[in-house]
Amino acid sequence: MDHVIDYFFGTGTGPSTHWFAAPDADLDHDGTPDAVLLDFDGDGRVDDAMWDSDGDGVADVAALDLDDDGVPDAFFADGGSGLWEKPTSPAPRVPPPADAPDVTYDLDDDGTVDAKATEVRRDGDARSAGRVYLDTDGDGRFDYVLIDRDGDGVADAGEKL
């Protein structure tokens, strides 16, 4: 049998329902599928995922794309009843989309990128969320993301990565 990811859903009372499926998405962008795509929000588009972030064959993170831009925005862990109600902290590192136009900044003039601004586009010219990724500790990995959900040039949300 091919590699599968087990995941569980429940109502909060009684036993959870056990599901399994072959991974069909690569959320950590290492070239190997590590998540099962689903439609949690019921909009008819497969845009959310059950992610096996530690590679043990069991989903440990529900990754939700709340603004339908193709990038997970919220991450939840199962509290033990299949509800996936516990926000993860910190959220798993998800890099900016590779196809997003971007501008990089070296804010302290040390020759390394400290910030990357992206404007994600979909459906031709329709604008979706812009993001600014920040490396605040100089380790070469982005630590925070600021999100402009309504496209007005002002961050509406942010989170530690």
N, C-alpha and C. Protein backbone atom coordinates (compact mmCIF):
# COMPACT_ATOMS: atom_id res chain seq x y z
N MET A 1 0.84 -1.18 0.00
CA MET A 1 0.00 0.00 0.00
C MET A 1 0.88 1.24 0.00
N ASP A 2 0.48 2.25 -0.79
CA ASP A 2 1.20 3.51 -0.82
C ASP A 2 1.08 4.21 0.53
N HIS A 3 1.97 5.17 0.74
CA HIS A 3 1.96 5.98 1.96
C HIS A 3 0.62 6.68 2.11
N VAL A 4 0.04 6.63 3.30
CA VAL A 4 -1.21 7.33 3.59
C VAL A 4 -1.04 8.16 4.85
N ILE A 5 -1.91 9.14 5.01
CA ILE A 5 -1.97 9.94 6.22
C ILE A 5 -3.29 9.65 6.90
N ASP A 6 -3.22 9.30 8.18
CA ASP A 6 -4.42 9.09 8.99
C ASP A 6 -4.84 10.41 9.59
N TYR A 7 -6.15 10.65 9.67
CA TYR A 7 -6.67 11.83 10.35
C TYR A 7 -8.03 11.49 10.93
N PHE A 8 -8.44 12.28 11.92
CA PHE A 8 -9.63 11.99 12.69
C PHE A 8 -10.51 13.22 12.81
N PHE A 9 -11.83 13.02 12.72
CA PHE A 9 -12.79 14.09 12.94
C PHE A 9 -13.80 13.60 13.97
N GLY A 10 -14.30 14.51 14.79
CA GLY A 10 -15.29 14.15 15.78
C GLY A 10 -16.25 15.29 16.05
N THR A 11 -17.24 15.01 16.89
CA THR A 11 -18.23 16.02 17.26
C THR A 11 -17.94 16.61 18.62
N GLY A 12 -16.94 16.08 19.32
CA GLY A 12 -16.63 16.54 20.67
C GLY A 12 -17.18 15.60 21.73
N THR A 13 -18.15 14.78 21.36
CA THR A 13 -18.68 13.76 22.26
C THR A 13 -18.66 12.43 21.51
N GLY A 14 -18.31 11.39 22.20
CA GLY A 14 -18.23 10.08 21.55
C GLY A 14 -16.95 9.92 20.77
N PRO A 15 -16.83 8.81 20.06
CA PRO A 15 -15.59 8.52 19.34
C PRO A 15 -15.45 9.38 18.08
N SER A 16 -14.20 9.57 17.68
CA SER A 16 -13.90 10.27 16.43
C SER A 16 -14.00 9.29 15.27
N THR A 17 -14.21 9.83 14.07
CA THR A 17 -14.22 9.01 12.86
C THR A 17 -12.81 9.02 12.27
N HIS A 18 -12.32 7.84 11.94
CA HIS A 18 -10.97 7.67 11.41
C HIS A 18 -11.03 7.70 9.88
N TRP A 19 -10.19 8.51 9.28
CA TRP A 19 -10.07 8.61 7.84
C TRP A 19 -8.62 8.41 7.45
N PHE A 20 -8.36 8.06 6.22
CA PHE A 20 -7.00 8.01 5.72
C PHE A 20 -7.03 8.26 4.22
N ALA A 21 -5.96 8.86 3.73
CA ALA A 21 -5.85 9.16 2.30
C ALA A 21 -4.38 9.35 1.94
N ALA A 22 -4.09 9.14 0.67
CA ALA A 22 -2.73 9.40 0.18
C ALA A 22 -2.50 10.91 0.18
N PRO A 23 -1.33 11.36 0.62
CA PRO A 23 -1.04 12.80 0.61
C PRO A 23 -1.03 13.34 -0.82
N ASP A 24 -1.59 14.54 -0.99
CA ASP A 24 -1.65 15.15 -2.32
C ASP A 24 -1.23 16.62 -2.32
N ALA A 25 -0.57 17.06 -1.26
CA ALA A 25 -0.07 18.44 -1.19
C ALA A 25 1.24 18.45 -0.41
N ASP A 26 2.09 19.40 -0.72
CA ASP A 26 3.40 19.54 -0.08
C ASP A 26 3.44 20.88 0.66
N LEU A 27 2.99 20.89 1.93
CA LEU A 27 2.90 22.15 2.67
C LEU A 27 4.22 22.66 3.20
N ASP A 28 5.21 21.79 3.41
CA ASP A 28 6.50 22.30 3.88
C ASP A 28 7.45 22.58 2.73
N HIS A 29 6.99 22.39 1.50
CA HIS A 29 7.73 22.74 0.28
C HIS A 29 9.09 22.06 0.19
N ASP A 30 9.15 20.78 0.60
CA ASP A 30 10.40 20.04 0.49
C ASP A 30 10.40 19.07 -0.69
N GLY A 31 9.33 19.08 -1.51
CA GLY A 31 9.25 18.23 -2.67
C GLY A 31 8.53 16.90 -2.44
N THR A 32 8.09 16.64 -1.20
CA THR A 32 7.40 15.40 -0.86
C THR A 32 6.01 15.73 -0.32
N PRO A 33 4.96 15.13 -0.89
CA PRO A 33 3.61 15.38 -0.37
C PRO A 33 3.50 15.00 1.11
N ASP A 34 2.91 15.89 1.92
CA ASP A 34 2.82 15.67 3.36
C ASP A 34 1.47 16.08 3.93
N ALA A 35 0.47 16.29 3.06
CA ALA A 35 -0.85 16.73 3.51
C ALA A 35 -1.93 16.19 2.59
N VAL A 36 -3.14 16.10 3.15
CA VAL A 36 -4.31 15.68 2.40
C VAL A 36 -5.20 16.91 2.21
N LEU A 37 -5.50 17.26 0.96
CA LEU A 37 -6.33 18.43 0.68
C LEU A 37 -7.81 18.13 0.92
N LEU A 38 -8.51 19.08 1.52
CA LEU A 38 -9.94 18.96 1.84
C LEU A 38 -10.62 20.31 1.65
N ASP A 39 -11.95 20.32 1.74
CA ASP A 39 -12.72 21.56 1.69
C ASP A 39 -13.47 21.71 3.02
N PHE A 40 -12.80 22.31 4.03
CA PHE A 40 -13.42 22.48 5.35
C PHE A 40 -14.51 23.55 5.34
N ASP A 41 -14.31 24.62 4.56
CA ASP A 41 -15.25 25.74 4.63
C ASP A 41 -16.49 25.55 3.75
N GLY A 42 -16.57 24.45 3.03
CA GLY A 42 -17.77 24.13 2.26
C GLY A 42 -18.03 25.00 1.06
N ASP A 43 -17.00 25.67 0.53
CA ASP A 43 -17.20 26.55 -0.61
C ASP A 43 -17.08 25.82 -1.95
N GLY A 44 -16.88 24.51 -1.90
CA GLY A 44 -16.78 23.73 -3.12
C GLY A 44 -15.40 23.67 -3.72
N ARG A 45 -14.43 24.35 -3.10
CA ARG A 45 -13.04 24.33 -3.58
C ARG A 45 -12.17 23.61 -2.55
N VAL A 46 -11.29 22.75 -3.05
CA VAL A 46 -10.34 22.08 -2.19
C VAL A 46 -9.26 23.10 -1.85
N ASP A 47 -9.27 23.61 -0.60
CA ASP A 47 -8.33 24.67 -0.25
C ASP A 47 -7.77 24.56 1.16
N ASP A 48 -8.16 23.54 1.90
CA ASP A 48 -7.66 23.34 3.26
C ASP A 48 -6.97 21.98 3.29
N ALA A 49 -6.26 21.69 4.37
CA ALA A 49 -5.50 20.44 4.39
C ALA A 49 -5.34 19.88 5.80
N MET A 50 -5.21 18.58 5.86
CA MET A 50 -4.78 17.87 7.07
C MET A 50 -3.31 17.58 6.85
N TRP A 51 -2.46 18.15 7.69
CA TRP A 51 -1.01 18.15 7.47
C TRP A 51 -0.32 17.24 8.48
N ASP A 52 0.49 16.33 7.96
CA ASP A 52 1.36 15.49 8.79
C ASP A 52 2.71 16.21 8.86
N SER A 53 2.80 17.24 9.68
CA SER A 53 3.98 18.11 9.69
C SER A 53 5.23 17.44 10.24
N ASP A 54 5.06 16.36 11.02
CA ASP A 54 6.24 15.69 11.58
C ASP A 54 6.57 14.38 10.86
N GLY A 55 5.81 14.01 9.83
CA GLY A 55 6.14 12.86 9.00
C GLY A 55 5.90 11.51 9.63
N ASP A 56 5.03 11.43 10.66
CA ASP A 56 4.82 10.13 11.31
C ASP A 56 3.62 9.36 10.76
N GLY A 57 2.95 9.89 9.71
CA GLY A 57 1.83 9.20 9.10
C GLY A 57 0.47 9.58 9.66
N VAL A 58 0.45 10.45 10.68
CA VAL A 58 -0.80 10.89 11.29
C VAL A 58 -0.86 12.41 11.20
N ALA A 59 -1.97 12.95 10.69
CA ALA A 59 -2.12 14.40 10.59
C ALA A 59 -2.09 15.02 11.98
N ASP A 60 -1.28 16.05 12.15
CA ASP A 60 -1.19 16.73 13.44
C ASP A 60 -1.57 18.20 13.35
N VAL A 61 -1.85 18.70 12.13
CA VAL A 61 -2.21 20.10 11.94
C VAL A 61 -3.32 20.20 10.88
N ALA A 62 -4.37 20.95 11.18
CA ALA A 62 -5.36 21.33 10.18
C ALA A 62 -4.93 22.70 9.66
N ALA A 63 -4.63 22.80 8.37
CA ALA A 63 -4.16 24.03 7.75
C ALA A 63 -5.30 24.62 6.94
N LEU A 64 -5.77 25.81 7.32
CA LEU A 64 -6.93 26.42 6.68
C LEU A 64 -6.53 27.64 5.86
N ASP A 65 -7.07 27.73 4.66
CA ASP A 65 -6.88 28.88 3.79
C ASP A 65 -8.13 29.75 3.93
N LEU A 66 -8.13 30.65 4.89
CA LEU A 66 -9.33 31.42 5.23
C LEU A 66 -9.71 32.47 4.19
N ASP A 67 -8.73 32.96 3.43
CA ASP A 67 -9.05 34.01 2.46
C ASP A 67 -8.97 33.52 1.01
N ASP A 68 -8.90 32.22 0.81
CA ASP A 68 -8.92 31.59 -0.52
C ASP A 68 -7.85 32.13 -1.47
N ASP A 69 -6.64 32.41 -0.93
CA ASP A 69 -5.56 32.88 -1.80
C ASP A 69 -4.55 31.78 -2.10
N GLY A 70 -4.84 30.55 -1.67
CA GLY A 70 -3.94 29.44 -1.94
C GLY A 70 -2.84 29.25 -0.92
N VAL A 71 -2.84 30.05 0.15
CA VAL A 71 -1.83 29.97 1.19
C VAL A 71 -2.53 29.75 2.53
N PRO A 72 -2.15 28.71 3.28
CA PRO A 72 -2.78 28.50 4.59
C PRO A 72 -2.58 29.71 5.50
N ASP A 73 -3.66 30.12 6.18
CA ASP A 73 -3.64 31.29 7.06
C ASP A 73 -3.74 30.94 8.53
N ALA A 74 -4.36 29.81 8.83
CA ALA A 74 -4.61 29.42 10.22
C ALA A 74 -4.30 27.94 10.38
N PHE A 75 -3.73 27.60 11.54
CA PHE A 75 -3.30 26.24 11.79
C PHE A 75 -3.85 25.81 13.14
N PHE A 76 -4.43 24.61 13.19
CA PHE A 76 -5.06 24.12 14.40
C PHE A 76 -4.62 22.70 14.71
N ALA A 77 -4.52 22.40 15.99
CA ALA A 77 -4.22 21.05 16.46
C ALA A 77 -5.49 20.45 17.06
N ASP A 78 -5.55 19.13 17.07
CA ASP A 78 -6.69 18.41 17.65
C ASP A 78 -6.51 18.35 19.16
N GLY A 79 -7.55 18.73 19.87
CA GLY A 79 -7.52 18.66 21.33
C GLY A 79 -7.79 17.27 21.86
N GLY A 80 -7.91 16.27 20.98
CA GLY A 80 -8.13 14.91 21.40
C GLY A 80 -9.51 14.37 21.08
N SER A 81 -10.41 15.24 20.62
CA SER A 81 -11.77 14.80 20.32
C SER A 81 -12.10 14.90 18.83
N GLY A 82 -11.10 15.22 18.00
CA GLY A 82 -11.33 15.33 16.57
C GLY A 82 -11.88 16.67 16.12
N LEU A 83 -11.87 17.67 16.99
CA LEU A 83 -12.44 18.98 16.64
C LEU A 83 -11.45 19.95 16.01
N TRP A 84 -10.17 19.75 16.18
CA TRP A 84 -9.14 20.62 15.61
C TRP A 84 -9.37 22.07 16.04
N GLU A 85 -9.53 22.24 17.36
CA GLU A 85 -9.92 23.53 17.91
C GLU A 85 -8.78 24.32 18.56
N LYS A 86 -7.59 23.75 18.63
CA LYS A 86 -6.49 24.43 19.32
C LYS A 86 -5.55 25.09 18.31
N PRO A 87 -5.52 26.44 18.28
CA PRO A 87 -4.56 27.11 17.38
C PRO A 87 -3.14 26.69 17.74
N THR A 88 -2.34 26.41 16.73
CA THR A 88 -0.95 26.08 16.99
C THR A 88 -0.19 27.36 17.27
N SER A 89 0.80 27.26 18.10
CA SER A 89 1.62 28.41 18.43
C SER A 89 3.04 27.93 18.70
N PRO A 90 4.00 28.33 17.91
CA PRO A 90 3.83 29.17 16.72
C PRO A 90 3.29 28.34 15.56
N ALA A 91 2.73 29.03 14.58
CA ALA A 91 2.22 28.36 13.38
C ALA A 91 3.38 27.76 12.62
N PRO A 92 3.16 26.63 11.94
CA PRO A 92 4.23 26.05 11.12
C PRO A 92 4.72 27.05 10.09
N ARG A 93 6.00 26.97 9.75
CA ARG A 93 6.58 27.89 8.78
C ARG A 93 6.06 27.55 7.38
N VAL A 94 5.43 28.51 6.75
CA VAL A 94 4.95 28.36 5.39
C VAL A 94 5.55 29.49 4.58
N PRO A 95 6.42 29.18 3.61
CA PRO A 95 7.05 30.25 2.85
C PRO A 95 6.06 30.94 1.93
N PRO A 96 6.41 32.15 1.47
CA PRO A 96 5.55 32.83 0.52
C PRO A 96 5.43 31.99 -0.76
N PRO A 97 4.33 32.15 -1.51
CA PRO A 97 4.19 31.40 -2.75
C PRO A 97 5.33 31.75 -3.71
N ALA A 98 5.84 30.74 -4.40
CA ALA A 98 6.98 30.94 -5.29
C ALA A 98 6.64 31.84 -6.47
N ASP A 99 5.38 31.86 -6.90
CA ASP A 99 5.02 32.62 -8.08
C ASP A 99 4.57 34.05 -7.77
N ALA A 100 4.60 34.43 -6.50
CA ALA A 100 4.16 35.77 -6.13
C ALA A 100 5.23 36.80 -6.48
N PRO A 101 4.82 37.93 -7.13
CA PRO A 101 5.80 38.98 -7.35
C PRO A 101 6.23 39.52 -5.98
N ASP A 102 7.51 39.83 -5.83
CA ASP A 102 7.94 40.28 -4.52
C ASP A 102 9.03 41.34 -4.62
N VAL A 103 9.18 42.02 -3.50
CA VAL A 103 10.24 43.01 -3.34
C VAL A 103 10.92 42.68 -2.03
N THR A 104 12.26 42.63 -2.04
CA THR A 104 13.00 42.31 -0.82
C THR A 104 13.69 43.56 -0.29
N TYR A 105 13.93 43.56 1.02
CA TYR A 105 14.54 44.70 1.70
C TYR A 105 15.64 44.24 2.63
N ASP A 106 16.75 44.96 2.62
CA ASP A 106 17.82 44.79 3.59
C ASP A 106 17.74 46.00 4.51
N LEU A 107 17.00 45.88 5.60
CA LEU A 107 16.69 47.03 6.45
C LEU A 107 17.87 47.54 7.26
N ASP A 108 18.83 46.67 7.56
CA ASP A 108 19.97 47.09 8.37
C ASP A 108 21.28 47.16 7.58
N ASP A 109 21.19 47.10 6.25
CA ASP A 109 22.35 47.22 5.35
C ASP A 109 23.47 46.23 5.67
N ASP A 110 23.12 44.99 6.05
CA ASP A 110 24.15 44.00 6.32
C ASP A 110 24.31 43.00 5.18
N GLY A 111 23.59 43.21 4.07
CA GLY A 111 23.71 42.35 2.91
C GLY A 111 22.78 41.15 2.90
N THR A 112 21.91 41.01 3.90
CA THR A 112 20.95 39.91 3.92
C THR A 112 19.52 40.46 3.90
N VAL A 113 18.62 39.67 3.36
CA VAL A 113 17.22 40.08 3.26
C VAL A 113 16.57 40.02 4.63
N ASP A 114 15.97 41.13 5.06
CA ASP A 114 15.27 41.20 6.35
C ASP A 114 13.76 41.19 6.18
N ALA A 115 13.28 41.56 5.00
CA ALA A 115 11.84 41.62 4.76
C ALA A 115 11.57 41.31 3.29
N LYS A 116 10.41 40.68 3.06
CA LYS A 116 9.98 40.38 1.70
C LYS A 116 8.50 40.72 1.60
N ALA A 117 8.16 41.59 0.66
CA ALA A 117 6.77 41.97 0.44
C ALA A 117 6.26 41.25 -0.80
N THR A 118 5.09 40.64 -0.67
CA THR A 118 4.48 39.94 -1.81
C THR A 118 3.09 40.48 -2.05
N GLU A 119 2.70 40.46 -3.30
CA GLU A 119 1.31 40.76 -3.66
C GLU A 119 0.82 39.55 -4.42
N VAL A 120 -0.02 38.76 -3.79
CA VAL A 120 -0.51 37.54 -4.40
C VAL A 120 -1.68 37.88 -5.30
N ARG A 121 -1.66 37.38 -6.53
CA ARG A 121 -2.75 37.63 -7.47
C ARG A 121 -3.38 36.30 -7.87
N ARG A 122 -4.66 36.34 -8.16
CA ARG A 122 -5.36 35.16 -8.66
C ARG A 122 -6.42 35.63 -9.65
N ASP A 123 -6.91 34.74 -10.44
CA ASP A 123 -7.95 35.05 -11.42
C ASP A 123 -7.58 36.27 -12.27
N GLY A 124 -6.42 36.20 -12.89
CA GLY A 124 -5.99 37.31 -13.74
C GLY A 124 -5.58 38.51 -12.92
N ASP A 125 -6.38 39.56 -12.95
CA ASP A 125 -6.03 40.79 -12.26
C ASP A 125 -6.71 40.96 -10.91
N ALA A 126 -7.52 40.01 -10.49
CA ALA A 126 -8.19 40.14 -9.19
C ALA A 126 -7.15 40.09 -8.08
N ARG A 127 -7.20 41.05 -7.18
CA ARG A 127 -6.20 41.16 -6.14
C ARG A 127 -6.63 40.40 -4.90
N SER A 128 -5.69 39.70 -4.31
CA SER A 128 -5.95 39.04 -3.03
C SER A 128 -4.91 39.53 -2.02
N ALA A 129 -4.78 38.85 -0.93
CA ALA A 129 -3.99 39.34 0.20
C ALA A 129 -2.53 39.59 -0.15
N GLY A 130 -2.03 40.77 0.25
CA GLY A 130 -0.62 41.06 0.19
C GLY A 130 0.00 40.71 1.53
N ARG A 131 1.29 40.38 1.52
CA ARG A 131 1.95 39.95 2.75
C ARG A 131 3.33 40.58 2.84
N VAL A 132 3.76 40.82 4.07
CA VAL A 132 5.14 41.22 4.34
C VAL A 132 5.70 40.20 5.32
N TYR A 133 6.75 39.50 4.90
CA TYR A 133 7.43 38.52 5.73
C TYR A 133 8.65 39.19 6.35
N LEU A 134 8.87 38.99 7.65
CA LEU A 134 9.95 39.66 8.37
C LEU A 134 10.87 38.66 9.05
N ASP A 135 12.18 38.88 8.90
CA ASP A 135 13.18 38.12 9.65
C ASP A 135 13.70 39.06 10.74
N THR A 136 13.17 38.93 11.95
CA THR A 136 13.50 39.88 13.02
C THR A 136 14.74 39.50 13.81
N ASP A 137 15.20 38.25 13.69
CA ASP A 137 16.37 37.84 14.48
C ASP A 137 17.62 37.60 13.63
N GLY A 138 17.53 37.87 12.31
CA GLY A 138 18.71 37.78 11.45
C GLY A 138 19.20 36.38 11.16
N ASP A 139 18.36 35.36 11.35
CA ASP A 139 18.81 33.99 11.13
C ASP A 139 18.56 33.50 9.70
N GLY A 140 18.02 34.38 8.83
CA GLY A 140 17.77 34.01 7.44
C GLY A 140 16.42 33.35 7.21
N ARG A 141 15.60 33.21 8.26
CA ARG A 141 14.26 32.64 8.14
C ARG A 141 13.26 33.67 8.61
N PHE A 142 12.14 33.77 7.90
CA PHE A 142 11.12 34.73 8.27
C PHE A 142 10.44 34.30 9.57
N ASP A 143 10.26 35.27 10.49
CA ASP A 143 9.70 35.01 11.81
C ASP A 143 8.25 35.47 11.94
N TYR A 144 7.87 36.50 11.18
CA TYR A 144 6.53 37.08 11.27
C TYR A 144 5.99 37.33 9.87
N VAL A 145 4.67 37.35 9.76
CA VAL A 145 4.03 37.75 8.52
C VAL A 145 2.93 38.75 8.87
N LEU A 146 2.87 39.85 8.12
CA LEU A 146 1.81 40.84 8.21
C LEU A 146 0.95 40.68 6.97
N ILE A 147 -0.38 40.68 7.11
CA ILE A 147 -1.27 40.39 5.99
C ILE A 147 -2.24 41.55 5.77
N ASP A 148 -2.32 42.01 4.53
CA ASP A 148 -3.28 43.04 4.11
C ASP A 148 -4.41 42.31 3.39
N ARG A 149 -5.44 41.90 4.14
CA ARG A 149 -6.52 41.07 3.59
C ARG A 149 -7.41 41.81 2.60
N ASP A 150 -7.63 43.12 2.79
CA ASP A 150 -8.56 43.83 1.94
C ASP A 150 -7.88 44.66 0.85
N GLY A 151 -6.55 44.60 0.75
CA GLY A 151 -5.83 45.27 -0.33
C GLY A 151 -5.76 46.77 -0.23
N ASP A 152 -5.95 47.33 0.98
CA ASP A 152 -5.91 48.78 1.12
C ASP A 152 -4.53 49.32 1.49
N GLY A 153 -3.52 48.44 1.56
CA GLY A 153 -2.17 48.89 1.87
C GLY A 153 -1.85 48.92 3.35
N VAL A 154 -2.79 48.52 4.20
CA VAL A 154 -2.60 48.50 5.65
C VAL A 154 -2.76 47.06 6.14
N ALA A 155 -1.82 46.58 6.97
CA ALA A 155 -1.92 45.21 7.50
C ALA A 155 -3.14 45.07 8.38
N ASP A 156 -3.93 44.03 8.09
CA ASP A 156 -5.14 43.74 8.87
C ASP A 156 -4.92 42.62 9.86
N ALA A 157 -3.87 41.82 9.64
CA ALA A 157 -3.60 40.67 10.49
C ALA A 157 -2.11 40.40 10.47
N GLY A 158 -1.66 39.69 11.44
CA GLY A 158 -0.26 39.28 11.50
C GLY A 158 -0.12 38.10 12.43
N GLU A 159 0.96 37.37 12.24
CA GLU A 159 1.20 36.23 13.12
C GLU A 159 2.65 35.84 13.11
N LYS A 160 3.05 35.23 14.19
CA LYS A 160 4.39 34.68 14.31
C LYS A 160 4.43 33.38 13.54
N LEU A 161 5.47 33.18 12.73
CA LEU A 161 5.60 31.96 11.95
C LEU A 161 6.35 30.91 12.73
